[in-house]
Amino acid sequence: MTDHPLTLTEVEALARAAHEGQTDKAGRPYAEHLAAVAEGVRLRGGSLGQQAAAWLHDAIEDEALTPGWLAAAALPEEVKAMVGALTKRPGEPLEAYAARILATPGAVLVKEADLAHNADPVRLSVLDAPTRERLTAKYAHVRALLGITAP
């Protein structure tokens, strides 16, 4: 860890800038999802590190930031580990992804907040039925793999 790790406010600003111009499946600015996940982590009693990981949880997967950036970032190792664990790899089975999250301290809470926002009925309602059904089943499967009860 560096002498002066990024503050949560700085992490939020970085994440917002990195995802600038990106939208979610419903066409909403992607930063809205990140803010909802970070708030979900906070409301679930998550640490500042978990909140930072929430802001960054999709940054590598969505190619908003690079793995090299994460490795060099002024962040505690626990935050880097959570972001790494939460980054789904191309072609990776959900079981392997879930096992990595379970093995990483703090990551399950971040994923729980992520899944809760992803599965929000209001958010899903704007998607077409096949997409909504596919995602609902996927989120339920990941929750089951992680031992998370439905929101």
C-alpha atoms as a PDB file:
ATOM      1  CA  MET A   1       0.000   0.000   0.000  1.00  0.00           C
ATOM      2  CA  THR A   2       1.196   3.525  -0.700  1.00  0.00           C
ATOM      3  CA  ASP A   3       1.587   6.220   1.941  1.00  0.00           C
ATOM      4  CA  HIS A   4      -1.452   8.081   0.639  1.00  0.00           C
ATOM      5  CA  PRO A   5      -4.161   5.752  -0.663  1.00  0.00           C
ATOM      6  CA  LEU A   6      -6.957   7.183  -2.721  1.00  0.00           C
ATOM      7  CA  THR A   7      -9.898   8.431  -0.699  1.00  0.00           C
ATOM      8  CA  LEU A   8     -13.370   7.069  -1.344  1.00  0.00           C
ATOM      9  CA  THR A   9     -14.283  10.404  -2.967  1.00  0.00           C
ATOM     10  CA  GLU A  10     -11.271  10.097  -5.286  1.00  0.00           C
ATOM     11  CA  VAL A  11     -12.168   6.496  -6.140  1.00  0.00           C
ATOM     12  CA  GLU A  12     -15.733   7.578  -6.967  1.00  0.00           C
ATOM     13  CA  ALA A  13     -14.450  10.393  -9.211  1.00  0.00           C
ATOM     14  CA  LEU A  14     -12.052   7.998 -10.948  1.00  0.00           C
ATOM     15  CA  ALA A  15     -14.774   5.411 -11.516  1.00  0.00           C
ATOM     16  CA  ARG A  16     -17.210   8.019 -12.832  1.00  0.00           C
ATOM     17  CA  ALA A  17     -14.570   9.363 -15.230  1.00  0.00           C
ATOM     18  CA  ALA A  18     -13.485   5.878 -16.329  1.00  0.00           C
ATOM     19  CA  HIS A  19     -17.065   4.840 -17.154  1.00  0.00           C
ATOM     20  CA  GLU A  20     -17.986   8.190 -18.747  1.00  0.00           C
ATOM     21  CA  GLY A  21     -20.136   7.606 -21.815  1.00  0.00           C
ATOM     22  CA  GLN A  22     -20.907   3.980 -20.884  1.00  0.00           C
ATOM     23  CA  THR A  23     -24.505   2.917 -20.342  1.00  0.00           C
ATOM     24  CA  ASP A  24     -26.150  -0.095 -18.755  1.00  0.00           C
ATOM     25  CA  LYS A  25     -28.434  -2.536 -20.596  1.00  0.00           C
ATOM     26  CA  ALA A  26     -31.342  -0.128 -20.087  1.00  0.00           C
ATOM     27  CA  GLY A  27     -29.411   2.771 -21.589  1.00  0.00           C
ATOM     28  CA  ARG A  28     -28.851   4.582 -18.274  1.00  0.00           C
ATOM     29  CA  PRO A  29     -25.464   6.146 -17.434  1.00  0.00           C
ATOM     30  CA  TYR A  30     -23.313   3.362 -16.001  1.00  0.00           C
ATOM     31  CA  ALA A  31     -22.232   5.497 -13.043  1.00  0.00           C
ATOM     32  CA  GLU A  32     -25.789   5.191 -11.696  1.00  0.00           C
ATOM     33  CA  HIS A  33     -25.226   1.441 -11.257  1.00  0.00           C
ATOM     34  CA  LEU A  34     -21.869   1.990  -9.565  1.00  0.00           C
ATOM     35  CA  ALA A  35     -23.397   4.541  -7.170  1.00  0.00           C
ATOM     36  CA  ALA A  36     -26.249   2.163  -6.340  1.00  0.00           C
ATOM     37  CA  VAL A  37     -23.848  -0.706  -5.637  1.00  0.00           C
ATOM     38  CA  ALA A  38     -21.600   1.488  -3.463  1.00  0.00           C
ATOM     39  CA  GLU A  39     -24.653   2.700  -1.531  1.00  0.00           C
ATOM     40  CA  GLY A  40     -25.888  -0.885  -1.212  1.00  0.00           C
ATOM     41  CA  VAL A  41     -22.533  -1.858   0.279  1.00  0.00           C
ATOM     42  CA  ARG A  42     -22.678   1.081   2.705  1.00  0.00           C
ATOM     43  CA  LEU A  43     -26.226   0.208   3.782  1.00  0.00           C
ATOM     44  CA  ARG A  44     -25.156  -3.418   4.363  1.00  0.00           C
ATOM     45  CA  GLY A  45     -22.446  -2.212   6.756  1.00  0.00           C
ATOM     46  CA  GLY A  46     -19.583  -2.507   4.288  1.00  0.00           C
ATOM     47  CA  SER A  47     -16.196  -0.957   4.997  1.00  0.00           C
ATOM     48  CA  LEU A  48     -14.730   1.976   3.091  1.00  0.00           C
ATOM     49  CA  GLY A  49     -12.582  -0.565   1.231  1.00  0.00           C
ATOM     50  CA  GLN A  50     -15.665  -2.519   0.185  1.00  0.00           C
ATOM     51  CA  GLN A  51     -17.320   0.728  -0.921  1.00  0.00           C
ATOM     52  CA  ALA A  52     -14.222   1.562  -3.000  1.00  0.00           C
ATOM     53  CA  ALA A  53     -14.342  -1.918  -4.538  1.00  0.00           C
ATOM     54  CA  ALA A  54     -18.022  -1.337  -5.343  1.00  0.00           C
ATOM     55  CA  TRP A  55     -17.146   1.794  -7.324  1.00  0.00           C
ATOM     56  CA  LEU A  56     -14.487  -0.180  -9.231  1.00  0.00           C
ATOM     57  CA  HIS A  57     -16.139  -3.611  -9.445  1.00  0.00           C
ATOM     58  CA  ASP A  58     -16.828  -3.443 -13.199  1.00  0.00           C
ATOM     59  CA  ALA A  59     -13.951  -1.182 -14.270  1.00  0.00           C
ATOM     60  CA  ILE A  60     -11.621  -3.932 -15.533  1.00  0.00           C
ATOM     61  CA  GLU A  61     -14.373  -6.183 -16.917  1.00  0.00           C
ATOM     62  CA  ASP A  62     -15.871  -3.261 -18.865  1.00  0.00           C
ATOM     63  CA  GLU A  63     -12.404  -2.123 -19.984  1.00  0.00           C
ATOM     64  CA  ALA A  64     -12.916   1.280 -18.364  1.00  0.00           C
ATOM     65  CA  LEU A  65      -9.585   0.736 -16.581  1.00  0.00           C
ATOM     66  CA  THR A  66      -6.791  -1.745 -17.210  1.00  0.00           C
ATOM     67  CA  PRO A  67      -5.418  -4.490 -14.962  1.00  0.00           C
ATOM     68  CA  GLY A  68      -2.139  -2.559 -15.017  1.00  0.00           C
ATOM     69  CA  TRP A  69      -3.884   0.532 -13.685  1.00  0.00           C
ATOM     70  CA  LEU A  70      -5.395  -1.489 -10.861  1.00  0.00           C
ATOM     71  CA  ALA A  71      -2.054  -3.086  -9.961  1.00  0.00           C
ATOM     72  CA  ALA A  72      -0.359   0.331  -9.758  1.00  0.00           C
ATOM     73  CA  ALA A  73      -3.262   2.222  -8.153  1.00  0.00           C
ATOM     74  CA  ALA A  74      -2.830   3.809  -4.733  1.00  0.00           C
ATOM     75  CA  LEU A  75      -5.334   1.415  -3.178  1.00  0.00           C
ATOM     76  CA  PRO A  76      -5.095  -1.029  -0.291  1.00  0.00           C
ATOM     77  CA  GLU A  77      -4.289  -4.571  -1.409  1.00  0.00           C
ATOM     78  CA  GLU A  78      -7.654  -5.747  -0.022  1.00  0.00           C
ATOM     79  CA  VAL A  79      -9.479  -3.397  -2.435  1.00  0.00           C
ATOM     80  CA  LYS A  80      -7.375  -4.578  -5.373  1.00  0.00           C
ATOM     81  CA  ALA A  81      -8.091  -8.185  -4.389  1.00  0.00           C
ATOM     82  CA  MET A  82     -11.844  -7.571  -4.231  1.00  0.00           C
ATOM     83  CA  VAL A  83     -11.883  -5.812  -7.615  1.00  0.00           C
ATOM     84  CA  GLY A  84      -9.847  -8.657  -9.100  1.00  0.00           C
ATOM     85  CA  ALA A  85     -12.183 -11.260  -7.637  1.00  0.00           C
ATOM     86  CA  LEU A  86     -15.272  -9.419  -8.881  1.00  0.00           C
ATOM     87  CA  THR A  87     -13.908  -9.140 -12.428  1.00  0.00           C
ATOM     88  CA  LYS A  88     -15.536 -11.847 -14.548  1.00  0.00           C
ATOM     89  CA  ARG A  89     -13.103 -13.239 -17.080  1.00  0.00           C
ATOM     90  CA  PRO A  90     -14.113 -14.014 -20.681  1.00  0.00           C
ATOM     91  CA  GLY A  91     -15.461 -17.547 -20.970  1.00  0.00           C
ATOM     92  CA  GLU A  92     -15.155 -18.166 -17.248  1.00  0.00           C
ATOM     93  CA  PRO A  93     -17.720 -20.548 -15.752  1.00  0.00           C
ATOM     94  CA  LEU A  94     -19.939 -18.927 -13.129  1.00  0.00           C
ATOM     95  CA  GLU A  95     -18.830 -21.586 -10.648  1.00  0.00           C
ATOM     96  CA  ALA A  96     -15.167 -20.522 -10.928  1.00  0.00           C
ATOM     97  CA  TYR A  97     -16.138 -16.862 -10.679  1.00  0.00           C
ATOM     98  CA  ALA A  98     -18.218 -17.524  -7.560  1.00  0.00           C
ATOM     99  CA  ALA A  99     -15.443 -19.588  -5.966  1.00  0.00           C
ATOM    100  CA  ARG A 100     -12.988 -16.703  -6.428  1.00  0.00           C
ATOM    101  CA  ILE A 101     -15.444 -14.251  -4.849  1.00  0.00           C
ATOM    102  CA  LEU A 102     -16.044 -16.605  -1.909  1.00  0.00           C
ATOM    103  CA  ALA A 103     -12.281 -16.964  -1.396  1.00  0.00           C
ATOM    104  CA  THR A 104     -11.685 -13.188  -1.287  1.00  0.00           C
ATOM    105  CA  PRO A 105     -12.374 -11.394   2.010  1.00  0.00           C
ATOM    106  CA  GLY A 106     -15.028  -8.708   1.605  1.00  0.00           C
ATOM    107  CA  ALA A 107     -15.993  -9.534  -1.979  1.00  0.00           C
ATOM    108  CA  VAL A 108     -19.260 -11.376  -1.265  1.00  0.00           C
ATOM    109  CA  LEU A 109     -20.873  -8.278   0.253  1.00  0.00           C
ATOM    110  CA  VAL A 110     -19.961  -6.202  -2.812  1.00  0.00           C
ATOM    111  CA  LYS A 111     -21.373  -8.874  -5.138  1.00  0.00           C
ATOM    112  CA  GLU A 112     -24.523  -9.072  -3.010  1.00  0.00           C
ATOM    113  CA  ALA A 113     -25.093  -5.319  -3.492  1.00  0.00           C
ATOM    114  CA  ASP A 114     -24.295  -5.655  -7.218  1.00  0.00           C
ATOM    115  CA  LEU A 115     -26.771  -8.509  -7.669  1.00  0.00           C
ATOM    116  CA  ALA A 116     -29.441  -6.678  -5.684  1.00  0.00           C
ATOM    117  CA  HIS A 117     -29.203  -3.680  -7.992  1.00  0.00           C
ATOM    118  CA  ASN A 118     -28.955  -5.799 -11.143  1.00  0.00           C
ATOM    119  CA  ALA A 119     -32.067  -7.753 -10.115  1.00  0.00           C
ATOM    120  CA  ASP A 120     -34.090  -4.654  -9.179  1.00  0.00           C
ATOM    121  CA  PRO A 121     -37.516  -5.191 -10.801  1.00  0.00           C
ATOM    122  CA  VAL A 122     -37.686  -1.536 -11.876  1.00  0.00           C
ATOM    123  CA  ARG A 123     -34.324  -1.849 -13.598  1.00  0.00           C
ATOM    124  CA  LEU A 124     -35.285  -5.152 -15.238  1.00  0.00           C
ATOM    125  CA  SER A 125     -38.719  -3.918 -16.323  1.00  0.00           C
ATOM    126  CA  VAL A 126     -37.296  -1.842 -19.179  1.00  0.00           C
ATOM    127  CA  LEU A 127     -35.611  -4.865 -20.779  1.00  0.00           C
ATOM    128  CA  ASP A 128     -37.244  -7.192 -23.291  1.00  0.00           C
ATOM    129  CA  ALA A 129     -38.750 -10.359 -21.795  1.00  0.00           C
ATOM    130  CA  PRO A 130     -36.103 -12.859 -23.025  1.00  0.00           C
ATOM    131  CA  THR A 131     -33.264 -10.667 -21.706  1.00  0.00           C
ATOM    132  CA  ARG A 132     -35.077 -10.083 -18.422  1.00  0.00           C
ATOM    133  CA  GLU A 133     -35.688 -13.829 -17.966  1.00  0.00           C
ATOM    134  CA  ARG A 134     -32.109 -14.766 -18.891  1.00  0.00           C
ATOM    135  CA  LEU A 135     -30.623 -12.228 -16.492  1.00  0.00           C
ATOM    136  CA  THR A 136     -33.030 -13.079 -13.667  1.00  0.00           C
ATOM    137  CA  ALA A 137     -32.029 -16.752 -13.932  1.00  0.00           C
ATOM    138  CA  LYS A 138     -28.322 -15.866 -14.109  1.00  0.00           C
ATOM    139  CA  TYR A 139     -28.524 -13.616 -11.036  1.00  0.00           C
ATOM    140  CA  ALA A 140     -30.421 -16.290  -9.096  1.00  0.00           C
ATOM    141  CA  HIS A 141     -27.769 -18.868 -10.034  1.00  0.00           C
ATOM    142  CA  VAL A 142     -24.911 -16.618  -8.885  1.00  0.00           C
ATOM    143  CA  ARG A 143     -26.749 -15.821  -5.623  1.00  0.00           C
ATOM    144  CA  ALA A 144     -27.174 -19.564  -5.027  1.00  0.00           C
ATOM    145  CA  LEU A 145     -23.477 -20.240  -5.728  1.00  0.00           C
ATOM    146  CA  LEU A 146     -22.541 -17.520  -3.231  1.00  0.00           C
ATOM    147  CA  GLY A 147     -25.113 -18.506  -0.614  1.00  0.00           C
ATOM    148  CA  ILE A 148     -26.871 -15.140  -0.849  1.00  0.00           C
ATOM    149  CA  THR A 149     -30.613 -15.047  -0.194  1.00  0.00           C
ATOM    150  CA  ALA A 150     -32.750 -13.125  -2.675  1.00  0.00           C
ATOM    151  CA  PRO A 151     -33.128  -9.395  -2.028  1.00  0.00           C
END
